[in-house]
């Protein structure tokens, strides 16, 4: 799961929309997975 999601922020970082794709992807992935009822531990 982490491998699939690790670079989802790269396109936005490349265009200057975000500064750090690691931090952005971390928050975005957490929101996506929480919406799918994935456990907080996972």
ModelCIF file with pLDDT and N, C-alpha, C, O atoms, coordinates in Angstrom:
data_MODEL
#
_entry.id   MODEL 
#
_entity.id                         1 
_entity.type                       polymer 
_entity.pdbx_number_of_molecules   1 
#
_entity_poly.entity_id                      1 
_entity_poly.type                           'polypeptide(L)' 
_entity_poly.nstd_linkage                   no 
_entity_poly.nstd_monomer                   no 
_entity_poly.pdbx_seq_one_letter_code       
;(UNK)(UNK)(UNK)(UNK)(UNK)(UNK)(UNK)(UNK)(UNK)(UNK)(UNK)(UNK)(UNK)(UNK)(UNK)(UNK)
(UNK)(UNK)(UNK)(UNK)(UNK)(UNK)(UNK)(UNK)(UNK)(UNK)(UNK)(UNK)(UNK)(UNK)(UNK)(UNK)
(UNK)(UNK)(UNK)(UNK)(UNK)(UNK)(UNK)(UNK)(UNK)(UNK)
;
_entity_poly.pdbx_seq_one_letter_code_can   XXXXXXXXXXXXXXXXXXXXXXXXXXXXXXXXXXXXXXXXXX 
_entity_poly.pdbx_strand_id                 A 
#
loop_
_entity_poly_seq.entity_id 
_entity_poly_seq.num 
_entity_poly_seq.mon_id 
_entity_poly_seq.hetero 
1 1  UNK n 
1 2  UNK n 
1 3  UNK n 
1 4  UNK n 
1 5  UNK n 
1 6  UNK n 
1 7  UNK n 
1 8  UNK n 
1 9  UNK n 
1 10 UNK n 
1 11 UNK n 
1 12 UNK n 
1 13 UNK n 
1 14 UNK n 
1 15 UNK n 
1 16 UNK n 
1 17 UNK n 
1 18 UNK n 
1 19 UNK n 
1 20 UNK n 
1 21 UNK n 
1 22 UNK n 
1 23 UNK n 
1 24 UNK n 
1 25 UNK n 
1 26 UNK n 
1 27 UNK n 
1 28 UNK n 
1 29 UNK n 
1 30 UNK n 
1 31 UNK n 
1 32 UNK n 
1 33 UNK n 
1 34 UNK n 
1 35 UNK n 
1 36 UNK n 
1 37 UNK n 
1 38 UNK n 
1 39 UNK n 
1 40 UNK n 
1 41 UNK n 
1 42 UNK n 
#
_struct_asym.id          A 
_struct_asym.entity_id   1 
#
loop_
_ma_qa_metric.id 
_ma_qa_metric.mode 
_ma_qa_metric.name 
_ma_qa_metric.software_group_id 
_ma_qa_metric.type 
1 global pLDDT . pLDDT 
2 local  pLDDT . pLDDT 
#
_ma_qa_metric_global.metric_id      1 
_ma_qa_metric_global.metric_value   95.57 
_ma_qa_metric_global.model_id       1 
_ma_qa_metric_global.ordinal_id     1 
#
loop_
_ma_qa_metric_local.label_asym_id 
_ma_qa_metric_local.label_comp_id 
_ma_qa_metric_local.label_seq_id 
_ma_qa_metric_local.metric_id 
_ma_qa_metric_local.metric_value 
_ma_qa_metric_local.model_id 
_ma_qa_metric_local.ordinal_id 
A UNK 1  2 98.00 1 1  
A UNK 2  2 98.00 1 2  
A UNK 3  2 98.00 1 3  
A UNK 4  2 98.00 1 4  
A UNK 5  2 98.00 1 5  
A UNK 6  2 98.00 1 6  
A UNK 7  2 97.00 1 7  
A UNK 8  2 98.00 1 8  
A UNK 9  2 96.00 1 9  
A UNK 10 2 94.00 1 10 
A UNK 11 2 93.00 1 11 
A UNK 12 2 94.00 1 12 
A UNK 13 2 91.00 1 13 
A UNK 14 2 86.00 1 14 
A UNK 15 2 87.00 1 15 
A UNK 16 2 88.00 1 16 
A UNK 17 2 93.00 1 17 
A UNK 18 2 93.00 1 18 
A UNK 19 2 91.00 1 19 
A UNK 20 2 93.00 1 20 
A UNK 21 2 95.00 1 21 
A UNK 22 2 95.00 1 22 
A UNK 23 2 95.00 1 23 
A UNK 24 2 97.00 1 24 
A UNK 25 2 97.00 1 25 
A UNK 26 2 97.00 1 26 
A UNK 27 2 97.00 1 27 
A UNK 28 2 98.00 1 28 
A UNK 29 2 98.00 1 29 
A UNK 30 2 98.00 1 30 
A UNK 31 2 98.00 1 31 
A UNK 32 2 98.00 1 32 
A UNK 33 2 98.00 1 33 
A UNK 34 2 98.00 1 34 
A UNK 35 2 97.00 1 35 
A UNK 36 2 97.00 1 36 
A UNK 37 2 96.00 1 37 
A UNK 38 2 97.00 1 38 
A UNK 39 2 96.00 1 39 
A UNK 40 2 96.00 1 40 
A UNK 41 2 97.00 1 41 
A UNK 42 2 97.00 1 42 
#
loop_
_atom_site.group_PDB 
_atom_site.id 
_atom_site.type_symbol 
_atom_site.label_atom_id 
_atom_site.label_alt_id 
_atom_site.label_comp_id 
_atom_site.label_asym_id 
_atom_site.label_entity_id 
_atom_site.label_seq_id 
_atom_site.pdbx_PDB_ins_code 
_atom_site.Cartn_x 
_atom_site.Cartn_y 
_atom_site.Cartn_z 
_atom_site.occupancy 
_atom_site.B_iso_or_equiv 
_atom_site.pdbx_formal_charge 
_atom_site.auth_seq_id 
_atom_site.auth_comp_id 
_atom_site.auth_asym_id 
_atom_site.auth_atom_id 
_atom_site.pdbx_PDB_model_num 
ATOM 1   N N  . UNK A 1 1  ? 0.830   -1.206 0.000   1.00 98.00 ? 1  UNK A N  1 
ATOM 2   C CA . UNK A 1 1  ? 0.000   0.000  0.000   1.00 98.00 ? 1  UNK A CA 1 
ATOM 3   C C  . UNK A 1 1  ? 0.864   1.256  0.000   1.00 98.00 ? 1  UNK A C  1 
ATOM 4   O O  . UNK A 1 1  ? 0.586   2.206  -0.732  1.00 98.00 ? 1  UNK A O  1 
ATOM 5   N N  . UNK A 1 2  ? 1.901   1.261  0.814   1.00 98.00 ? 2  UNK A N  1 
ATOM 6   C CA . UNK A 1 2  ? 2.796   2.414  0.870   1.00 98.00 ? 2  UNK A CA 1 
ATOM 7   C C  . UNK A 1 2  ? 3.506   2.637  -0.459  1.00 98.00 ? 2  UNK A C  1 
ATOM 8   O O  . UNK A 1 2  ? 3.714   3.776  -0.878  1.00 98.00 ? 2  UNK A O  1 
ATOM 9   N N  . UNK A 1 3  ? 3.878   1.540  -1.121  1.00 98.00 ? 3  UNK A N  1 
ATOM 10  C CA . UNK A 1 3  ? 4.548   1.655  -2.421  1.00 98.00 ? 3  UNK A CA 1 
ATOM 11  C C  . UNK A 1 3  ? 3.639   2.315  -3.446  1.00 98.00 ? 3  UNK A C  1 
ATOM 12  O O  . UNK A 1 3  ? 4.084   3.172  -4.209  1.00 98.00 ? 3  UNK A O  1 
ATOM 13  N N  . UNK A 1 4  ? 2.374   1.926  -3.471  1.00 98.00 ? 4  UNK A N  1 
ATOM 14  C CA . UNK A 1 4  ? 1.445   2.527  -4.425  1.00 98.00 ? 4  UNK A CA 1 
ATOM 15  C C  . UNK A 1 4  ? 1.243   4.016  -4.149  1.00 98.00 ? 4  UNK A C  1 
ATOM 16  O O  . UNK A 1 4  ? 1.077   4.799  -5.083  1.00 98.00 ? 4  UNK A O  1 
ATOM 17  N N  . UNK A 1 5  ? 1.255   4.406  -2.897  1.00 98.00 ? 5  UNK A N  1 
ATOM 18  C CA . UNK A 1 5  ? 0.885   5.779  -2.529  1.00 98.00 ? 5  UNK A CA 1 
ATOM 19  C C  . UNK A 1 5  ? 2.070   6.724  -2.337  1.00 98.00 ? 5  UNK A C  1 
ATOM 20  O O  . UNK A 1 5  ? 1.869   7.926  -2.160  1.00 98.00 ? 5  UNK A O  1 
ATOM 21  N N  . UNK A 1 6  ? 3.294   6.210  -2.368  1.00 98.00 ? 6  UNK A N  1 
ATOM 22  C CA . UNK A 1 6  ? 4.416   7.029  -1.913  1.00 98.00 ? 6  UNK A CA 1 
ATOM 23  C C  . UNK A 1 6  ? 4.694   8.246  -2.786  1.00 98.00 ? 6  UNK A C  1 
ATOM 24  O O  . UNK A 1 6  ? 5.203   9.247  -2.282  1.00 98.00 ? 6  UNK A O  1 
ATOM 25  N N  . UNK A 1 7  ? 4.378   8.195  -4.068  1.00 97.00 ? 7  UNK A N  1 
ATOM 26  C CA . UNK A 1 7  ? 4.700   9.310  -4.958  1.00 97.00 ? 7  UNK A CA 1 
ATOM 27  C C  . UNK A 1 7  ? 3.471   10.006 -5.539  1.00 97.00 ? 7  UNK A C  1 
ATOM 28  O O  . UNK A 1 7  ? 3.564   10.656 -6.581  1.00 97.00 ? 7  UNK A O  1 
ATOM 29  N N  . UNK A 1 8  ? 2.329   9.877  -4.879  1.00 98.00 ? 8  UNK A N  1 
ATOM 30  C CA . UNK A 1 8  ? 1.115   10.493 -5.437  1.00 98.00 ? 8  UNK A CA 1 
ATOM 31  C C  . UNK A 1 8  ? 1.205   12.021 -5.465  1.00 98.00 ? 8  UNK A C  1 
ATOM 32  O O  . UNK A 1 8  ? 0.447   12.670 -6.186  1.00 98.00 ? 8  UNK A O  1 
ATOM 33  N N  . UNK A 1 9  ? 2.109   12.589 -4.699  1.00 96.00 ? 9  UNK A N  1 
ATOM 34  C CA . UNK A 1 9  ? 2.255   14.042 -4.694  1.00 96.00 ? 9  UNK A CA 1 
ATOM 35  C C  . UNK A 1 9  ? 3.265   14.573 -5.693  1.00 96.00 ? 9  UNK A C  1 
ATOM 36  O O  . UNK A 1 9  ? 3.401   15.788 -5.841  1.00 96.00 ? 9  UNK A O  1 
ATOM 37  N N  . UNK A 1 10 ? 3.968   13.702 -6.373  1.00 94.00 ? 10 UNK A N  1 
ATOM 38  C CA . UNK A 1 10 ? 5.025   14.141 -7.298  1.00 94.00 ? 10 UNK A CA 1 
ATOM 39  C C  . UNK A 1 10 ? 4.524   15.081 -8.401  1.00 94.00 ? 10 UNK A C  1 
ATOM 40  O O  . UNK A 1 10 ? 5.162   16.104 -8.650  1.00 94.00 ? 10 UNK A O  1 
ATOM 41  N N  . UNK A 1 11 ? 3.408   14.774 -9.071  1.00 93.00 ? 11 UNK A N  1 
ATOM 42  C CA . UNK A 1 11 ? 2.946   15.708 -10.107 1.00 93.00 ? 11 UNK A CA 1 
ATOM 43  C C  . UNK A 1 11 ? 2.672   17.107 -9.568  1.00 93.00 ? 11 UNK A C  1 
ATOM 44  O O  . UNK A 1 11 ? 2.956   18.095 -10.244 1.00 93.00 ? 11 UNK A O  1 
ATOM 45  N N  . UNK A 1 12 ? 2.129   17.202 -8.366  1.00 94.00 ? 12 UNK A N  1 
ATOM 46  C CA . UNK A 1 12 ? 1.843   18.514 -7.778  1.00 94.00 ? 12 UNK A CA 1 
ATOM 47  C C  . UNK A 1 12 ? 3.125   19.235 -7.370  1.00 94.00 ? 12 UNK A C  1 
ATOM 48  O O  . UNK A 1 12 ? 3.228   20.454 -7.506  1.00 94.00 ? 12 UNK A O  1 
ATOM 49  N N  . UNK A 1 13 ? 4.095   18.482 -6.873  1.00 91.00 ? 13 UNK A N  1 
ATOM 50  C CA . UNK A 1 13 ? 5.364   19.093 -6.503  1.00 91.00 ? 13 UNK A CA 1 
ATOM 51  C C  . UNK A 1 13 ? 6.075   19.625 -7.749  1.00 91.00 ? 13 UNK A C  1 
ATOM 52  O O  . UNK A 1 13 ? 6.677   20.698 -7.716  1.00 91.00 ? 13 UNK A O  1 
ATOM 53  N N  . UNK A 1 14 ? 6.001   18.875 -8.837  1.00 86.00 ? 14 UNK A N  1 
ATOM 54  C CA . UNK A 1 14 ? 6.684   19.283 -10.077 1.00 86.00 ? 14 UNK A CA 1 
ATOM 55  C C  . UNK A 1 14 ? 6.131   20.604 -10.604 1.00 86.00 ? 14 UNK A C  1 
ATOM 56  O O  . UNK A 1 14 ? 6.884   21.426 -11.126 1.00 86.00 ? 14 UNK A O  1 
ATOM 57  N N  . UNK A 1 15 ? 4.827   20.811 -10.471 1.00 87.00 ? 15 UNK A N  1 
ATOM 58  C CA . UNK A 1 15 ? 4.218   22.036 -10.983 1.00 87.00 ? 15 UNK A CA 1 
ATOM 59  C C  . UNK A 1 15 ? 4.232   23.174 -9.973  1.00 87.00 ? 15 UNK A C  1 
ATOM 60  O O  . UNK A 1 15 ? 3.758   24.272 -10.268 1.00 87.00 ? 15 UNK A O  1 
ATOM 61  N N  . UNK A 1 16 ? 4.772   22.922 -8.783  1.00 88.00 ? 16 UNK A N  1 
ATOM 62  C CA . UNK A 1 16 ? 4.862   23.967 -7.774  1.00 88.00 ? 16 UNK A CA 1 
ATOM 63  C C  . UNK A 1 16 ? 3.620   24.132 -6.933  1.00 88.00 ? 16 UNK A C  1 
ATOM 64  O O  . UNK A 1 16 ? 3.528   25.076 -6.147  1.00 88.00 ? 16 UNK A O  1 
ATOM 65  N N  . UNK A 1 17 ? 2.655   23.230 -7.080  1.00 93.00 ? 17 UNK A N  1 
ATOM 66  C CA . UNK A 1 17 ? 1.417   23.317 -6.301  1.00 93.00 ? 17 UNK A CA 1 
ATOM 67  C C  . UNK A 1 17 ? 1.668   23.016 -4.831  1.00 93.00 ? 17 UNK A C  1 
ATOM 68  O O  . UNK A 1 17 ? 1.014   23.584 -3.956  1.00 93.00 ? 17 UNK A O  1 
ATOM 69  N N  . UNK A 1 18 ? 2.620   22.115 -4.558  1.00 93.00 ? 18 UNK A N  1 
ATOM 70  C CA . UNK A 1 18 ? 3.022   21.803 -3.190  1.00 93.00 ? 18 UNK A CA 1 
ATOM 71  C C  . UNK A 1 18 ? 4.546   21.860 -3.113  1.00 93.00 ? 18 UNK A C  1 
ATOM 72  O O  . UNK A 1 18 ? 5.230   21.808 -4.135  1.00 93.00 ? 18 UNK A O  1 
ATOM 73  N N  . UNK A 1 19 ? 5.068   21.968 -1.892  1.00 91.00 ? 19 UNK A N  1 
ATOM 74  C CA . UNK A 1 19 ? 6.512   22.078 -1.702  1.00 91.00 ? 19 UNK A CA 1 
ATOM 75  C C  . UNK A 1 19 ? 7.175   20.733 -1.422  1.00 91.00 ? 19 UNK A C  1 
ATOM 76  O O  . UNK A 1 19 ? 8.320   20.516 -1.818  1.00 91.00 ? 19 UNK A O  1 
ATOM 77  N N  . UNK A 1 20 ? 6.474   19.835 -0.749  1.00 93.00 ? 20 UNK A N  1 
ATOM 78  C CA . UNK A 1 20 ? 7.086   18.578 -0.315  1.00 93.00 ? 20 UNK A CA 1 
ATOM 79  C C  . UNK A 1 20 ? 6.122   17.424 -0.570  1.00 93.00 ? 20 UNK A C  1 
ATOM 80  O O  . UNK A 1 20 ? 5.104   17.299 0.110   1.00 93.00 ? 20 UNK A O  1 
ATOM 81  N N  . UNK A 1 21 ? 6.446   16.583 -1.551  1.00 95.00 ? 21 UNK A N  1 
ATOM 82  C CA . UNK A 1 21 ? 5.514   15.515 -1.903  1.00 95.00 ? 21 UNK A CA 1 
ATOM 83  C C  . UNK A 1 21 ? 5.416   14.450 -0.824  1.00 95.00 ? 21 UNK A C  1 
ATOM 84  O O  . UNK A 1 21 ? 4.398   13.765 -0.731  1.00 95.00 ? 21 UNK A O  1 
ATOM 85  N N  . UNK A 1 22 ? 6.459   14.294 -0.001  1.00 95.00 ? 22 UNK A N  1 
ATOM 86  C CA . UNK A 1 22 ? 6.416   13.302 1.081   1.00 95.00 ? 22 UNK A CA 1 
ATOM 87  C C  . UNK A 1 22 ? 5.335   13.674 2.105   1.00 95.00 ? 22 UNK A C  1 
ATOM 88  O O  . UNK A 1 22 ? 4.478   12.862 2.454   1.00 95.00 ? 22 UNK A O  1 
ATOM 89  N N  . UNK A 1 23 ? 5.402   14.920 2.572   1.00 95.00 ? 23 UNK A N  1 
ATOM 90  C CA . UNK A 1 23 ? 4.453   15.376 3.587   1.00 95.00 ? 23 UNK A CA 1 
ATOM 91  C C  . UNK A 1 23 ? 3.037   15.401 3.033   1.00 95.00 ? 23 UNK A C  1 
ATOM 92  O O  . UNK A 1 23 ? 2.089   14.992 3.703   1.00 95.00 ? 23 UNK A O  1 
ATOM 93  N N  . UNK A 1 24 ? 2.903   15.888 1.802   1.00 97.00 ? 24 UNK A N  1 
ATOM 94  C CA . UNK A 1 24 ? 1.568   15.971 1.204   1.00 97.00 ? 24 UNK A CA 1 
ATOM 95  C C  . UNK A 1 24 ? 0.981   14.584 1.010   1.00 97.00 ? 24 UNK A C  1 
ATOM 96  O O  . UNK A 1 24 ? -0.183  14.352 1.338   1.00 97.00 ? 24 UNK A O  1 
ATOM 97  N N  . UNK A 1 25 ? 1.772   13.660 0.481   1.00 97.00 ? 25 UNK A N  1 
ATOM 98  C CA . UNK A 1 25 ? 1.280   12.299 0.248   1.00 97.00 ? 25 UNK A CA 1 
ATOM 99  C C  . UNK A 1 25 ? 0.934   11.602 1.552   1.00 97.00 ? 25 UNK A C  1 
ATOM 100 O O  . UNK A 1 25 ? -0.004  10.806 1.596   1.00 97.00 ? 25 UNK A O  1 
ATOM 101 N N  . UNK A 1 26 ? 1.673   11.888 2.611   1.00 97.00 ? 26 UNK A N  1 
ATOM 102 C CA . UNK A 1 26 ? 1.384   11.291 3.911   1.00 97.00 ? 26 UNK A CA 1 
ATOM 103 C C  . UNK A 1 26 ? -0.010  11.694 4.385   1.00 97.00 ? 26 UNK A C  1 
ATOM 104 O O  . UNK A 1 26 ? -0.795  10.851 4.819   1.00 97.00 ? 26 UNK A O  1 
ATOM 105 N N  . UNK A 1 27 ? -0.308  12.980 4.297   1.00 97.00 ? 27 UNK A N  1 
ATOM 106 C CA . UNK A 1 27 ? -1.618  13.476 4.735   1.00 97.00 ? 27 UNK A CA 1 
ATOM 107 C C  . UNK A 1 27 ? -2.728  12.998 3.803   1.00 97.00 ? 27 UNK A C  1 
ATOM 108 O O  . UNK A 1 27 ? -3.800  12.600 4.260   1.00 97.00 ? 27 UNK A O  1 
ATOM 109 N N  . UNK A 1 28 ? -2.471  13.036 2.500   1.00 98.00 ? 28 UNK A N  1 
ATOM 110 C CA . UNK A 1 28 ? -3.486  12.632 1.527   1.00 98.00 ? 28 UNK A CA 1 
ATOM 111 C C  . UNK A 1 28 ? -3.796  11.140 1.649   1.00 98.00 ? 28 UNK A C  1 
ATOM 112 O O  . UNK A 1 28 ? -4.957  10.735 1.601   1.00 98.00 ? 28 UNK A O  1 
ATOM 113 N N  . UNK A 1 29 ? -2.756  10.333 1.806   1.00 98.00 ? 29 UNK A N  1 
ATOM 114 C CA . UNK A 1 29 ? -2.964  8.896  1.944   1.00 98.00 ? 29 UNK A CA 1 
ATOM 115 C C  . UNK A 1 29 ? -3.755  8.574  3.210   1.00 98.00 ? 29 UNK A C  1 
ATOM 116 O O  . UNK A 1 29 ? -4.636  7.713  3.197   1.00 98.00 ? 29 UNK A O  1 
ATOM 117 N N  . UNK A 1 30 ? -3.441  9.261  4.288   1.00 98.00 ? 30 UNK A N  1 
ATOM 118 C CA . UNK A 1 30 ? -4.170  9.038  5.542   1.00 98.00 ? 30 UNK A CA 1 
ATOM 119 C C  . UNK A 1 30 ? -5.655  9.346  5.366   1.00 98.00 ? 30 UNK A C  1 
ATOM 120 O O  . UNK A 1 30 ? -6.506  8.594  5.840   1.00 98.00 ? 30 UNK A O  1 
ATOM 121 N N  . UNK A 1 31 ? -5.965  10.446 4.687   1.00 98.00 ? 31 UNK A N  1 
ATOM 122 C CA . UNK A 1 31 ? -7.363  10.822 4.468   1.00 98.00 ? 31 UNK A CA 1 
ATOM 123 C C  . UNK A 1 31 ? -8.068  9.804  3.566   1.00 98.00 ? 31 UNK A C  1 
ATOM 124 O O  . UNK A 1 31 ? -9.211  9.427  3.827   1.00 98.00 ? 31 UNK A O  1 
ATOM 125 N N  . UNK A 1 32 ? -7.394  9.368  2.518   1.00 98.00 ? 32 UNK A N  1 
ATOM 126 C CA . UNK A 1 32 ? -7.988  8.389  1.600   1.00 98.00 ? 32 UNK A CA 1 
ATOM 127 C C  . UNK A 1 32 ? -8.285  7.070  2.304   1.00 98.00 ? 32 UNK A C  1 
ATOM 128 O O  . UNK A 1 32 ? -9.363  6.500  2.139   1.00 98.00 ? 32 UNK A O  1 
ATOM 129 N N  . UNK A 1 33 ? -7.333  6.594  3.083   1.00 98.00 ? 33 UNK A N  1 
ATOM 130 C CA . UNK A 1 33 ? -7.488  5.305  3.757   1.00 98.00 ? 33 UNK A CA 1 
ATOM 131 C C  . UNK A 1 33 ? -8.506  5.379  4.893   1.00 98.00 ? 33 UNK A C  1 
ATOM 132 O O  . UNK A 1 33 ? -9.244  4.426  5.141   1.00 98.00 ? 33 UNK A O  1 
ATOM 133 N N  . UNK A 1 34 ? -8.535  6.512  5.571   1.00 98.00 ? 34 UNK A N  1 
ATOM 134 C CA . UNK A 1 34 ? -9.521  6.684  6.643   1.00 98.00 ? 34 UNK A CA 1 
ATOM 135 C C  . UNK A 1 34 ? -10.935 6.661  6.072   1.00 98.00 ? 34 UNK A C  1 
ATOM 136 O O  . UNK A 1 34 ? -11.852 6.113  6.684   1.00 98.00 ? 34 UNK A O  1 
ATOM 137 N N  . UNK A 1 35 ? -11.104 7.257  4.902   1.00 97.00 ? 35 UNK A N  1 
ATOM 138 C CA . UNK A 1 35 ? -12.421 7.271  4.257   1.00 97.00 ? 35 UNK A CA 1 
ATOM 139 C C  . UNK A 1 35 ? -12.863 5.873  3.854   1.00 97.00 ? 35 UNK A C  1 
ATOM 140 O O  . UNK A 1 35 ? -14.054 5.620  3.674   1.00 97.00 ? 35 UNK A O  1 
ATOM 141 N N  . UNK A 1 36 ? -11.901 4.963  3.714   1.00 97.00 ? 36 UNK A N  1 
ATOM 142 C CA . UNK A 1 36 ? -12.202 3.579  3.355   1.00 97.00 ? 36 UNK A CA 1 
ATOM 143 C C  . UNK A 1 36 ? -12.264 2.670  4.578   1.00 97.00 ? 36 UNK A C  1 
ATOM 144 O O  . UNK A 1 36 ? -12.303 1.447  4.451   1.00 97.00 ? 36 UNK A O  1 
ATOM 145 N N  . UNK A 1 37 ? -12.274 3.274  5.752   1.00 96.00 ? 37 UNK A N  1 
ATOM 146 C CA . UNK A 1 37 ? -12.406 2.546  7.023   1.00 96.00 ? 37 UNK A CA 1 
ATOM 147 C C  . UNK A 1 37 ? -11.225 1.633  7.319   1.00 96.00 ? 37 UNK A C  1 
ATOM 148 O O  . UNK A 1 37 ? -11.385 0.611  7.986   1.00 96.00 ? 37 UNK A O  1 
ATOM 149 N N  . UNK A 1 38 ? -10.046 1.989  6.833   1.00 97.00 ? 38 UNK A N  1 
ATOM 150 C CA . UNK A 1 38 ? -8.829  1.264  7.202   1.00 97.00 ? 38 UNK A CA 1 
ATOM 151 C C  . UNK A 1 38 ? -8.493  1.616  8.647   1.00 97.00 ? 38 UNK A C  1 
ATOM 152 O O  . UNK A 1 38 ? -8.666  2.764  9.056   1.00 97.00 ? 38 UNK A O  1 
ATOM 153 N N  . UNK A 1 39 ? -8.025  0.665  9.410   1.00 96.00 ? 39 UNK A N  1 
ATOM 154 C CA . UNK A 1 39 ? -7.760  0.894  10.827  1.00 96.00 ? 39 UNK A CA 1 
ATOM 155 C C  . UNK A 1 39 ? -6.666  1.941  11.015  1.00 96.00 ? 39 UNK A C  1 
ATOM 156 O O  . UNK A 1 39 ? -5.773  2.081  10.180  1.00 96.00 ? 39 UNK A O  1 
ATOM 157 N N  . UNK A 1 40 ? -6.748  2.661  12.106  1.00 96.00 ? 40 UNK A N  1 
ATOM 158 C CA . UNK A 1 40 ? -5.766  3.712  12.390  1.00 96.00 ? 40 UNK A CA 1 
ATOM 159 C C  . UNK A 1 40 ? -4.363  3.125  12.535  1.00 96.00 ? 40 UNK A C  1 
ATOM 160 O O  . UNK A 1 40 ? -3.384  3.782  12.180  1.00 96.00 ? 40 UNK A O  1 
ATOM 161 N N  . UNK A 1 41 ? -4.251  1.909  13.048  1.00 97.00 ? 41 UNK A N  1 
ATOM 162 C CA . UNK A 1 41 ? -2.948  1.275  13.205  1.00 97.00 ? 41 UNK A CA 1 
ATOM 163 C C  . UNK A 1 41 ? -2.295  1.026  11.851  1.00 97.00 ? 41 UNK A C  1 
ATOM 164 O O  . UNK A 1 41 ? -1.100  1.265  11.677  1.00 97.00 ? 41 UNK A O  1 
ATOM 165 N N  . UNK A 1 42 ? -3.086  0.544  10.892  1.00 97.00 ? 42 UNK A N  1 
ATOM 166 C CA . UNK A 1 42 ? -2.525  0.282  9.560   1.00 97.00 ? 42 UNK A CA 1 
ATOM 167 C C  . UNK A 1 42 ? -2.221  1.582  8.828   1.00 97.00 ? 42 UNK A C  1 
ATOM 168 O O  . UNK A 1 42 ? -1.744  1.555  7.693   1.00 97.00 ? 42 UNK A O  1 
#
